[in-house]
Amino acid sequence: METNSTNRALLDETQLGDIGTKLDEVVNRQVDWLALIQQQYPQLRFTVCSEDDTGCHEPFHSYDQFDLHLVSHSLSGCSSLTQDVNHCTGLVIALHEE
């Protein structure tokens, strides 16, 4: 789902759940999981970091190995974490420390 002139979201909650499930299956395996997910969702920007890097922001969804945060990019180029699926243009995958 692409954004259009009416500012429709790039994806919906069902698609976010699918992305989270796919990531949960491959994170920490001996594969280039980030490249795999980027190929499947080229319209989204993905950032990988440690869960410590997200500060006190609540994740959109938590999984066993990572937290999933939504990112909103403004026309001015600034990015921010959001809980609003309608403004989501990217995802932060915050890996849990072991």
PDB file of N, CA and C in Angstrom:
ATOM      1  N   MET A   1       0.846  -1.163   0.000  1.00  0.00           N
ATOM      2  CA  MET A   1       0.000   0.000   0.000  1.00  0.00           C
ATOM      3  C   MET A   1       0.897   1.234   0.000  1.00  0.00           C
ATOM      4  N   GLU A   2       0.790   2.088  -0.998  1.00  0.00           N
ATOM      5  CA  GLU A   2       1.604   3.288  -1.131  1.00  0.00           C
ATOM      6  C   GLU A   2       0.852   4.503  -0.601  1.00  0.00           C
ATOM      7  N   THR A   3       1.603   5.534  -0.244  1.00  0.00           N
ATOM      8  CA  THR A   3       0.989   6.799   0.128  1.00  0.00           C
ATOM      9  C   THR A   3       0.511   7.497  -1.134  1.00  0.00           C
ATOM     10  N   ASN A   4      -0.582   8.201  -1.053  1.00  0.00           N
ATOM     11  CA  ASN A   4      -1.060   8.956  -2.205  1.00  0.00           C
ATOM     12  C   ASN A   4      -1.306  10.400  -1.809  1.00  0.00           C
ATOM     13  N   SER A   5      -1.865  11.175  -2.715  1.00  0.00           N
ATOM     14  CA  SER A   5      -2.056  12.600  -2.460  1.00  0.00           C
ATOM     15  C   SER A   5      -3.035  12.878  -1.321  1.00  0.00           C
ATOM     16  N   THR A   6      -3.844  11.916  -0.943  1.00  0.00           N
ATOM     17  CA  THR A   6      -4.758  12.114   0.185  1.00  0.00           C
ATOM     18  C   THR A   6      -4.114  11.704   1.502  1.00  0.00           C
ATOM     19  N   ASN A   7      -2.789  11.435   1.461  1.00  0.00           N
ATOM     20  CA  ASN A   7      -2.012  11.111   2.655  1.00  0.00           C
ATOM     21  C   ASN A   7      -2.444   9.797   3.291  1.00  0.00           C
ATOM     22  N   ARG A   8      -2.818   8.834   2.476  1.00  0.00           N
ATOM     23  CA  ARG A   8      -3.169   7.505   2.974  1.00  0.00           C
ATOM     24  C   ARG A   8      -1.905   6.794   3.465  1.00  0.00           C
ATOM     25  N   ALA A   9      -2.022   5.981   4.461  1.00  0.00           N
ATOM     26  CA  ALA A   9      -0.882   5.286   5.056  1.00  0.00           C
ATOM     27  C   ALA A   9      -0.241   4.311   4.079  1.00  0.00           C
ATOM     28  N   LEU A  10       1.060   4.052   4.294  1.00  0.00           N
ATOM     29  CA  LEU A  10       1.793   3.091   3.484  1.00  0.00           C
ATOM     30  C   LEU A  10       1.385   1.659   3.791  1.00  0.00           C
ATOM     31  N   LEU A  11       0.904   1.413   5.004  1.00  0.00           N
ATOM     32  CA  LEU A  11       0.473   0.076   5.397  1.00  0.00           C
ATOM     33  C   LEU A  11      -0.532   0.175   6.523  1.00  0.00           C
ATOM     34  N   ASP A  12      -1.140  -0.963   6.830  1.00  0.00           N
ATOM     35  CA  ASP A  12      -2.143  -0.985   7.895  1.00  0.00           C
ATOM     36  C   ASP A  12      -1.678  -1.901   9.024  1.00  0.00           C
ATOM     37  N   GLU A  13      -2.493  -2.010  10.061  1.00  0.00           N
ATOM     38  CA  GLU A  13      -2.110  -2.805  11.232  1.00  0.00           C
ATOM     39  C   GLU A  13      -1.926  -4.282  10.901  1.00  0.00           C
ATOM     40  N   THR A  14      -2.698  -4.797   9.967  1.00  0.00           N
ATOM     41  CA  THR A  14      -2.535  -6.200   9.563  1.00  0.00           C
ATOM     42  C   THR A  14      -1.171  -6.410   8.927  1.00  0.00           C
ATOM     43  N   GLN A  15      -0.775  -5.501   8.046  1.00  0.00           N
ATOM     44  CA  GLN A  15       0.534  -5.611   7.408  1.00  0.00           C
ATOM     45  C   GLN A  15       1.658  -5.444   8.425  1.00  0.00           C
ATOM     46  N   LEU A  16       1.484  -4.546   9.387  1.00  0.00           N
ATOM     47  CA  LEU A  16       2.482  -4.393  10.444  1.00  0.00           C
ATOM     48  C   LEU A  16       2.625  -5.680  11.245  1.00  0.00           C
ATOM     49  N   GLY A  17       1.510  -6.334  11.533  1.00  0.00           N
ATOM     50  CA  GLY A  17       1.555  -7.623  12.225  1.00  0.00           C
ATOM     51  C   GLY A  17       2.285  -8.669  11.405  1.00  0.00           C
ATOM     52  N   ASP A  18       2.051  -8.680  10.094  1.00  0.00           N
ATOM     53  CA  ASP A  18       2.747  -9.618   9.208  1.00  0.00           C
ATOM     54  C   ASP A  18       4.249  -9.361   9.207  1.00  0.00           C
ATOM     55  N   ILE A  19       4.641  -8.090   9.143  1.00  0.00           N
ATOM     56  CA  ILE A  19       6.062  -7.743   9.174  1.00  0.00           C
ATOM     57  C   ILE A  19       6.678  -8.201  10.487  1.00  0.00           C
ATOM     58  N   GLY A  20       6.011  -7.917  11.602  1.00  0.00           N
ATOM     59  CA  GLY A  20       6.518  -8.328  12.906  1.00  0.00           C
ATOM     60  C   GLY A  20       6.674  -9.829  13.017  1.00  0.00           C
ATOM     61  N   THR A  21       5.699 -10.573  12.520  1.00  0.00           N
ATOM     62  CA  THR A  21       5.766 -12.041  12.556  1.00  0.00           C
ATOM     63  C   THR A  21       6.923 -12.550  11.705  1.00  0.00           C
ATOM     64  N   LYS A  22       7.091 -11.991  10.511  1.00  0.00           N
ATOM     65  CA  LYS A  22       8.202 -12.400   9.638  1.00  0.00           C
ATOM     66  C   LYS A  22       9.542 -12.106  10.293  1.00  0.00           C
ATOM     67  N   LEU A  23       9.665 -10.915  10.879  1.00  0.00           N
ATOM     68  CA  LEU A  23      10.909 -10.566  11.554  1.00  0.00           C
ATOM     69  C   LEU A  23      11.174 -11.486  12.734  1.00  0.00           C
ATOM     70  N   ASP A  24      10.138 -11.790  13.495  1.00  0.00           N
ATOM     71  CA  ASP A  24      10.284 -12.653  14.665  1.00  0.00           C
ATOM     72  C   ASP A  24      10.816 -14.030  14.279  1.00  0.00           C
ATOM     73  N   GLU A  25      10.493 -14.466  13.073  1.00  0.00           N
ATOM     74  CA  GLU A  25      10.952 -15.773  12.596  1.00  0.00           C
ATOM     75  C   GLU A  25      12.411 -15.769  12.159  1.00  0.00           C
ATOM     76  N   VAL A  26      12.951 -14.604  11.749  1.00  0.00           N
ATOM     77  CA  VAL A  26      14.293 -14.602  11.159  1.00  0.00           C
ATOM     78  C   VAL A  26      15.352 -13.814  11.924  1.00  0.00           C
ATOM     79  N   VAL A  27      14.953 -12.916  12.830  1.00  0.00           N
ATOM     80  CA  VAL A  27      15.942 -12.129  13.562  1.00  0.00           C
ATOM     81  C   VAL A  27      16.853 -13.068  14.344  1.00  0.00           C
ATOM     82  N   ASN A  28      18.127 -12.761  14.334  1.00  0.00           N
ATOM     83  CA  ASN A  28      19.179 -13.519  15.026  1.00  0.00           C
ATOM     84  C   ASN A  28      19.489 -14.863  14.387  1.00  0.00           C
ATOM     85  N   ARG A  29      19.011 -15.101  13.188  1.00  0.00           N
ATOM     86  CA  ARG A  29      19.423 -16.292  12.448  1.00  0.00           C
ATOM     87  C   ARG A  29      20.585 -15.909  11.551  1.00  0.00           C
ATOM     88  N   GLN A  30      21.234 -16.897  11.002  1.00  0.00           N
ATOM     89  CA  GLN A  30      22.390 -16.657  10.150  1.00  0.00           C
ATOM     90  C   GLN A  30      21.970 -16.305   8.725  1.00  0.00           C
ATOM     91  N   VAL A  31      21.100 -15.344   8.585  1.00  0.00           N
ATOM     92  CA  VAL A  31      20.670 -14.855   7.276  1.00  0.00           C
ATOM     93  C   VAL A  31      20.672 -13.330   7.324  1.00  0.00           C
ATOM     94  N   ASP A  32      20.711 -12.710   6.173  1.00  0.00           N
ATOM     95  CA  ASP A  32      20.622 -11.255   6.112  1.00  0.00           C
ATOM     96  C   ASP A  32      19.150 -10.875   6.178  1.00  0.00           C
ATOM     97  N   TRP A  33      18.586 -10.945   7.376  1.00  0.00           N
ATOM     98  CA  TRP A  33      17.150 -10.756   7.558  1.00  0.00           C
ATOM     99  C   TRP A  33      16.702  -9.347   7.202  1.00  0.00           C
ATOM    100  N   LEU A  34      17.570  -8.363   7.411  1.00  0.00           N
ATOM    101  CA  LEU A  34      17.176  -7.000   7.076  1.00  0.00           C
ATOM    102  C   LEU A  34      16.994  -6.849   5.565  1.00  0.00           C
ATOM    103  N   ALA A  35      17.899  -7.411   4.790  1.00  0.00           N
ATOM    104  CA  ALA A  35      17.771  -7.351   3.326  1.00  0.00           C
ATOM    105  C   ALA A  35      16.506  -8.067   2.863  1.00  0.00           C
ATOM    106  N   LEU A  36      16.186  -9.179   3.492  1.00  0.00           N
ATOM    107  CA  LEU A  36      14.977  -9.917   3.121  1.00  0.00           C
ATOM    108  C   LEU A  36      13.721  -9.081   3.337  1.00  0.00           C
ATOM    109  N   ILE A  37      13.629  -8.425   4.481  1.00  0.00           N
ATOM    110  CA  ILE A  37      12.427  -7.649   4.782  1.00  0.00           C
ATOM    111  C   ILE A  37      12.379  -6.376   3.939  1.00  0.00           C
ATOM    112  N   GLN A  38      13.543  -5.793   3.634  1.00  0.00           N
ATOM    113  CA  GLN A  38      13.576  -4.604   2.782  1.00  0.00           C
ATOM    114  C   GLN A  38      13.114  -4.933   1.363  1.00  0.00           C
ATOM    115  N   GLN A  39      13.451  -6.111   0.880  1.00  0.00           N
ATOM    116  CA  GLN A  39      13.007  -6.526  -0.455  1.00  0.00           C
ATOM    117  C   GLN A  39      11.494  -6.710  -0.498  1.00  0.00           C
ATOM    118  N   GLN A  40      10.924  -7.205   0.584  1.00  0.00           N
ATOM    119  CA  GLN A  40       9.484  -7.450   0.624  1.00  0.00           C
ATOM    120  C   GLN A  40       8.672  -6.168   0.815  1.00  0.00           C
ATOM    121  N   TYR A  41       9.278  -5.152   1.423  1.00  0.00           N
ATOM    122  CA  TYR A  41       8.580  -3.894   1.710  1.00  0.00           C
ATOM    123  C   TYR A  41       9.455  -2.705   1.290  1.00  0.00           C
ATOM    124  N   PRO A  42       9.696  -2.547  -0.008  1.00  0.00           N
ATOM    125  CA  PRO A  42      10.604  -1.487  -0.473  1.00  0.00           C
ATOM    126  C   PRO A  42      10.087  -0.068  -0.217  1.00  0.00           C
ATOM    127  N   GLN A  43       8.813   0.095   0.038  1.00  0.00           N
ATOM    128  CA  GLN A  43       8.244   1.420   0.277  1.00  0.00           C
ATOM    129  C   GLN A  43       8.543   1.942   1.679  1.00  0.00           C
ATOM    130  N   LEU A  44       9.044   1.071   2.571  1.00  0.00           N
ATOM    131  CA  LEU A  44       9.309   1.454   3.959  1.00  0.00           C
ATOM    132  C   LEU A  44      10.797   1.646   4.212  1.00  0.00           C
ATOM    133  N   ARG A  45      11.097   2.519   5.156  1.00  0.00           N
ATOM    134  CA  ARG A  45      12.469   2.682   5.633  1.00  0.00           C
ATOM    135  C   ARG A  45      12.607   1.866   6.914  1.00  0.00           C
ATOM    136  N   PHE A  46      13.691   1.116   7.018  1.00  0.00           N
ATOM    137  CA  PHE A  46      13.944   0.304   8.202  1.00  0.00           C
ATOM    138  C   PHE A  46      15.214   0.788   8.886  1.00  0.00           C
ATOM    139  N   THR A  47      15.163   0.879  10.203  1.00  0.00           N
ATOM    140  CA  THR A  47      16.316   1.226  11.013  1.00  0.00           C
ATOM    141  C   THR A  47      16.456   0.152  12.081  1.00  0.00           C
ATOM    142  N   VAL A  48      17.677  -0.326  12.294  1.00  0.00           N
ATOM    143  CA  VAL A  48      17.941  -1.329  13.326  1.00  0.00           C
ATOM    144  C   VAL A  48      18.813  -0.684  14.394  1.00  0.00           C
ATOM    145  N   CYS A  49      18.442  -0.899  15.649  1.00  0.00           N
ATOM    146  CA  CYS A  49      19.207  -0.356  16.760  1.00  0.00           C
ATOM    147  C   CYS A  49      19.004  -1.248  17.983  1.00  0.00           C
ATOM    148  N   SER A  50      19.617  -0.863  19.075  1.00  0.00           N
ATOM    149  CA  SER A  50      19.412  -1.539  20.355  1.00  0.00           C
ATOM    150  C   SER A  50      18.170  -0.957  21.017  1.00  0.00           C
ATOM    151  N   GLU A  51      17.504  -1.756  21.816  1.00  0.00           N
ATOM    152  CA  GLU A  51      16.334  -1.246  22.540  1.00  0.00           C
ATOM    153  C   GLU A  51      16.711  -0.077  23.445  1.00  0.00           C
ATOM    154  N   ASP A  52      17.961  -0.025  23.892  1.00  0.00           N
ATOM    155  CA  ASP A  52      18.414   1.082  24.733  1.00  0.00           C
ATOM    156  C   ASP A  52      18.411   2.411  23.979  1.00  0.00           C
ATOM    157  N   ASP A  53      18.531   2.360  22.660  1.00  0.00           N
ATOM    158  CA  ASP A  53      18.587   3.573  21.846  1.00  0.00           C
ATOM    159  C   ASP A  53      17.234   4.257  21.685  1.00  0.00           C
ATOM    160  N   THR A  54      16.157   3.585  22.039  1.00  0.00           N
ATOM    161  CA  THR A  54      14.827   4.179  21.868  1.00  0.00           C
ATOM    162  C   THR A  54      14.345   4.901  23.123  1.00  0.00           C
ATOM    163  N   GLY A  55      15.152   4.901  24.151  1.00  0.00           N
ATOM    164  CA  GLY A  55      14.797   5.619  25.373  1.00  0.00           C
ATOM    165  C   GLY A  55      13.536   5.071  26.007  1.00  0.00           C
ATOM    166  N   CYS A  56      12.687   5.970  26.447  1.00  0.00           N
ATOM    167  CA  CYS A  56      11.474   5.556  27.160  1.00  0.00           C
ATOM    168  C   CYS A  56      10.259   5.457  26.239  1.00  0.00           C
ATOM    169  N   HIS A  57      10.468   5.504  24.928  1.00  0.00           N
ATOM    170  CA  HIS A  57       9.341   5.405  23.993  1.00  0.00           C
ATOM    171  C   HIS A  57       8.732   4.008  24.020  1.00  0.00           C
ATOM    172  N   GLU A  58       7.429   3.959  24.110  1.00  0.00           N
ATOM    173  CA  GLU A  58       6.716   2.683  24.083  1.00  0.00           C
ATOM    174  C   GLU A  58       6.724   2.127  22.661  1.00  0.00           C
ATOM    175  N   PRO A  59       7.045   0.850  22.507  1.00  0.00           N
ATOM    176  CA  PRO A  59       7.001   0.261  21.163  1.00  0.00           C
ATOM    177  C   PRO A  59       5.561   0.091  20.684  1.00  0.00           C
ATOM    178  N   PHE A  60       5.402   0.047  19.382  1.00  0.00           N
ATOM    179  CA  PHE A  60       4.095  -0.257  18.809  1.00  0.00           C
ATOM    180  C   PHE A  60       3.724  -1.690  19.145  1.00  0.00           C
ATOM    181  N   HIS A  61       4.729  -2.570  19.099  1.00  0.00           N
ATOM    182  CA  HIS A  61       4.519  -3.976  19.449  1.00  0.00           C
ATOM    183  C   HIS A  61       5.853  -4.560  19.902  1.00  0.00           C
ATOM    184  N   SER A  62       5.813  -5.431  20.906  1.00  0.00           N
ATOM    185  CA  SER A  62       7.008  -6.111  21.403  1.00  0.00           C
ATOM    186  C   SER A  62       6.979  -7.575  21.004  1.00  0.00           C
ATOM    187  N   TYR A  63       8.140  -8.068  20.630  1.00  0.00           N
ATOM    188  CA  TYR A  63       8.329  -9.476  20.285  1.00  0.00           C
ATOM    189  C   TYR A  63       9.428 -10.026  21.189  1.00  0.00           C
ATOM    190  N   ASP A  64       9.680 -11.315  21.128  1.00  0.00           N
ATOM    191  CA  ASP A  64      10.677 -11.926  21.999  1.00  0.00           C
ATOM    192  C   ASP A  64      12.067 -11.318  21.827  1.00  0.00           C
ATOM    193  N   GLN A  65      12.456 -11.023  20.582  1.00  0.00           N
ATOM    194  CA  GLN A  65      13.821 -10.600  20.308  1.00  0.00           C
ATOM    195  C   GLN A  65      13.974  -9.119  19.979  1.00  0.00           C
ATOM    196  N   PHE A  66      12.871  -8.408  19.824  1.00  0.00           N
ATOM    197  CA  PHE A  66      12.946  -7.002  19.431  1.00  0.00           C
ATOM    198  C   PHE A  66      11.633  -6.281  19.726  1.00  0.00           C
ATOM    199  N   ASP A  67      11.714  -4.962  19.714  1.00  0.00           N
ATOM    200  CA  ASP A  67      10.529  -4.106  19.771  1.00  0.00           C
ATOM    201  C   ASP A  67      10.373  -3.452  18.407  1.00  0.00           C
ATOM    202  N   LEU A  68       9.147  -3.243  18.003  1.00  0.00           N
ATOM    203  CA  LEU A  68       8.860  -2.608  16.724  1.00  0.00           C
ATOM    204  C   LEU A  68       8.269  -1.225  16.989  1.00  0.00           C
ATOM    205  N   HIS A  69       8.947  -0.198  16.486  1.00  0.00           N
ATOM    206  CA  HIS A  69       8.499   1.184  16.622  1.00  0.00           C
ATOM    207  C   HIS A  69       8.119   1.714  15.250  1.00  0.00           C
ATOM    208  N   LEU A  70       7.112   2.565  15.209  1.00  0.00           N
ATOM    209  CA  LEU A  70       6.692   3.205  13.971  1.00  0.00           C
ATOM    210  C   LEU A  70       7.396   4.545  13.835  1.00  0.00           C
ATOM    211  N   VAL A  71       7.775   4.874  12.605  1.00  0.00           N
ATOM    212  CA  VAL A  71       8.449   6.137  12.326  1.00  0.00           C
ATOM    213  C   VAL A  71       7.605   6.949  11.360  1.00  0.00           C
ATOM    214  N   SER A  72       7.525   8.229  11.629  1.00  0.00           N
ATOM    215  CA  SER A  72       6.854   9.173  10.744  1.00  0.00           C
ATOM    216  C   SER A  72       7.907  10.142  10.218  1.00  0.00           C
ATOM    217  N   HIS A  73       7.960  10.330   8.906  1.00  0.00           N
ATOM    218  CA  HIS A  73       8.884  11.277   8.283  1.00  0.00           C
ATOM    219  C   HIS A  73       8.075  12.462   7.772  1.00  0.00           C
ATOM    220  N   SER A  74       8.460  13.651   8.173  1.00  0.00           N
ATOM    221  CA  SER A  74       7.741  14.846   7.722  1.00  0.00           C
ATOM    222  C   SER A  74       8.325  15.347   6.406  1.00  0.00           C
ATOM    223  N   LEU A  75       7.629  16.246   5.765  1.00  0.00           N
ATOM    224  CA  LEU A  75       8.107  16.833   4.516  1.00  0.00           C
ATOM    225  C   LEU A  75       9.386  17.625   4.717  1.00  0.00           C
ATOM    226  N   SER A  76       9.630  18.106   5.933  1.00  0.00           N
ATOM    227  CA  SER A  76      10.851  18.864   6.218  1.00  0.00           C
ATOM    228  C   SER A  76      12.066  17.957   6.382  1.00  0.00           C
ATOM    229  N   GLY A  77      11.844  16.649   6.402  1.00  0.00           N
ATOM    230  CA  GLY A  77      12.949  15.705   6.522  1.00  0.00           C
ATOM    231  C   GLY A  77      13.175  15.181   7.922  1.00  0.00           C
ATOM    232  N   CYS A  78      12.443  15.691   8.894  1.00  0.00           N
ATOM    233  CA  CYS A  78      12.595  15.224  10.272  1.00  0.00           C
ATOM    234  C   CYS A  78      11.833  13.918  10.468  1.00  0.00           C
ATOM    235  N   SER A  79      12.388  13.058  11.292  1.00  0.00           N
ATOM    236  CA  SER A  79      11.744  11.787  11.618  1.00  0.00           C
ATOM    237  C   SER A  79      11.405  11.765  13.099  1.00  0.00           C
ATOM    238  N   SER A  80      10.333  11.069  13.435  1.00  0.00           N
ATOM    239  CA  SER A  80       9.972  10.910  14.838  1.00  0.00           C
ATOM    240  C   SER A  80       9.235   9.591  15.015  1.00  0.00           C
ATOM    241  N   LEU A  81       9.308   9.070  16.238  1.00  0.00           N
ATOM    242  CA  LEU A  81       8.555   7.865  16.561  1.00  0.00           C
ATOM    243  C   LEU A  81       7.096   8.249  16.753  1.00  0.00           C
ATOM    244  N   THR A  82       6.212   7.364  16.353  1.00  0.00           N
ATOM    245  CA  THR A  82       4.780   7.629  16.449  1.00  0.00           C
ATOM    246  C   THR A  82       4.051   6.346  16.834  1.00  0.00           C
ATOM    247  N   GLN A  83       2.854   6.475  17.294  1.00  0.00           N
ATOM    248  CA  GLN A  83       1.978   5.325  17.529  1.00  0.00           C
ATOM    249  C   GLN A  83       0.860   5.290  16.491  1.00  0.00           C
ATOM    250  N   ASP A  84       0.879   6.249  15.581  1.00  0.00           N
ATOM    251  CA  ASP A  84      -0.178   6.408  14.587  1.00  0.00           C
ATOM    252  C   ASP A  84       0.165   5.660  13.299  1.00  0.00           C
ATOM    253  N   VAL A  85      -0.518   4.562  13.059  1.00  0.00           N
ATOM    254  CA  VAL A  85      -0.281   3.751  11.861  1.00  0.00           C
ATOM    255  C   VAL A  85      -0.499   4.577  10.595  1.00  0.00           C
ATOM    256  N   ASN A  86      -1.424   5.512  10.633  1.00  0.00           N
ATOM    257  CA  ASN A  86      -1.729   6.317   9.452  1.00  0.00           C
ATOM    258  C   ASN A  86      -0.588   7.227   9.025  1.00  0.00           C
ATOM    259  N   HIS A  87       0.353   7.494   9.915  1.00  0.00           N
ATOM    260  CA  HIS A  87       1.496   8.344   9.590  1.00  0.00           C
ATOM    261  C   HIS A  87       2.798   7.556   9.486  1.00  0.00           C
ATOM    262  N   CYS A  88       2.721   6.253   9.560  1.00  0.00           N
ATOM    263  CA  CYS A  88       3.912   5.401   9.542  1.00  0.00           C
ATOM    264  C   CYS A  88       4.514   5.336   8.137  1.00  0.00           C
ATOM    265  N   THR A  89       5.789   5.713   8.037  1.00  0.00           N
ATOM    266  CA  THR A  89       6.520   5.607   6.774  1.00  0.00           C
ATOM    267  C   THR A  89       7.765   4.748   6.916  1.00  0.00           C
ATOM    268  N   GLY A  90       8.003   4.260   8.117  1.00  0.00           N
ATOM    269  CA  GLY A  90       9.165   3.419   8.357  1.00  0.00           C
ATOM    270  C   GLY A  90       9.057   2.734   9.703  1.00  0.00           C
ATOM    271  N   LEU A  91      10.003   1.841   9.948  1.00  0.00           N
ATOM    272  CA  LEU A  91      10.000   1.066  11.188  1.00  0.00           C
ATOM    273  C   LEU A  91      11.378   1.062  11.823  1.00  0.00           C
ATOM    274  N   VAL A  92      11.402   1.121  13.144  1.00  0.00           N
ATOM    275  CA  VAL A  92      12.622   0.909  13.910  1.00  0.00           C
ATOM    276  C   VAL A  92      12.515  -0.471  14.531  1.00  0.00           C
ATOM    277  N   ILE A  93      13.517  -1.291  14.290  1.00  0.00           N
ATOM    278  CA  ILE A  93      13.604  -2.624  14.876  1.00  0.00           C
ATOM    279  C   ILE A  93      14.631  -2.512  15.997  1.00  0.00           C
ATOM    280  N   ALA A  94      14.153  -2.438  17.226  1.00  0.00           N
ATOM    281  CA  ALA A  94      15.010  -2.245  18.393  1.00  0.00           C
ATOM    282  C   ALA A  94      15.289  -3.609  19.022  1.00  0.00           C
ATOM    283  N   LEU A  95      16.496  -4.111  18.775  1.00  0.00           N
ATOM    284  CA  LEU A  95      16.865  -5.450  19.231  1.00  0.00           C
ATOM    285  C   LEU A  95      17.032  -5.492  20.741  1.00  0.00           C
ATOM    286  N   HIS A  96      16.517  -6.539  21.356  1.00  0.00           N
ATOM    287  CA  HIS A  96      16.676  -6.739  22.792  1.00  0.00           C
ATOM    288  C   HIS A  96      18.096  -7.211  23.073  1.00  0.00           C
ATOM    289  N   GLU A  97      18.676  -6.670  24.120  1.00  0.00           N
ATOM    290  CA  GLU A  97      20.006  -7.095  24.554  1.00  0.00           C
ATOM    291  C   GLU A  97      19.882  -8.433  25.266  1.00  0.00           C
ATOM    292  N   GLU A  98      20.845  -9.268  25.052  1.00  0.00           N
ATOM    293  CA  GLU A  98      20.790 -10.601  25.688  1.00  0.00           C
ATOM    294  C   GLU A  98      21.584 -10.643  26.951  1.00  0.00           C
TER     295      GLU A  98
END
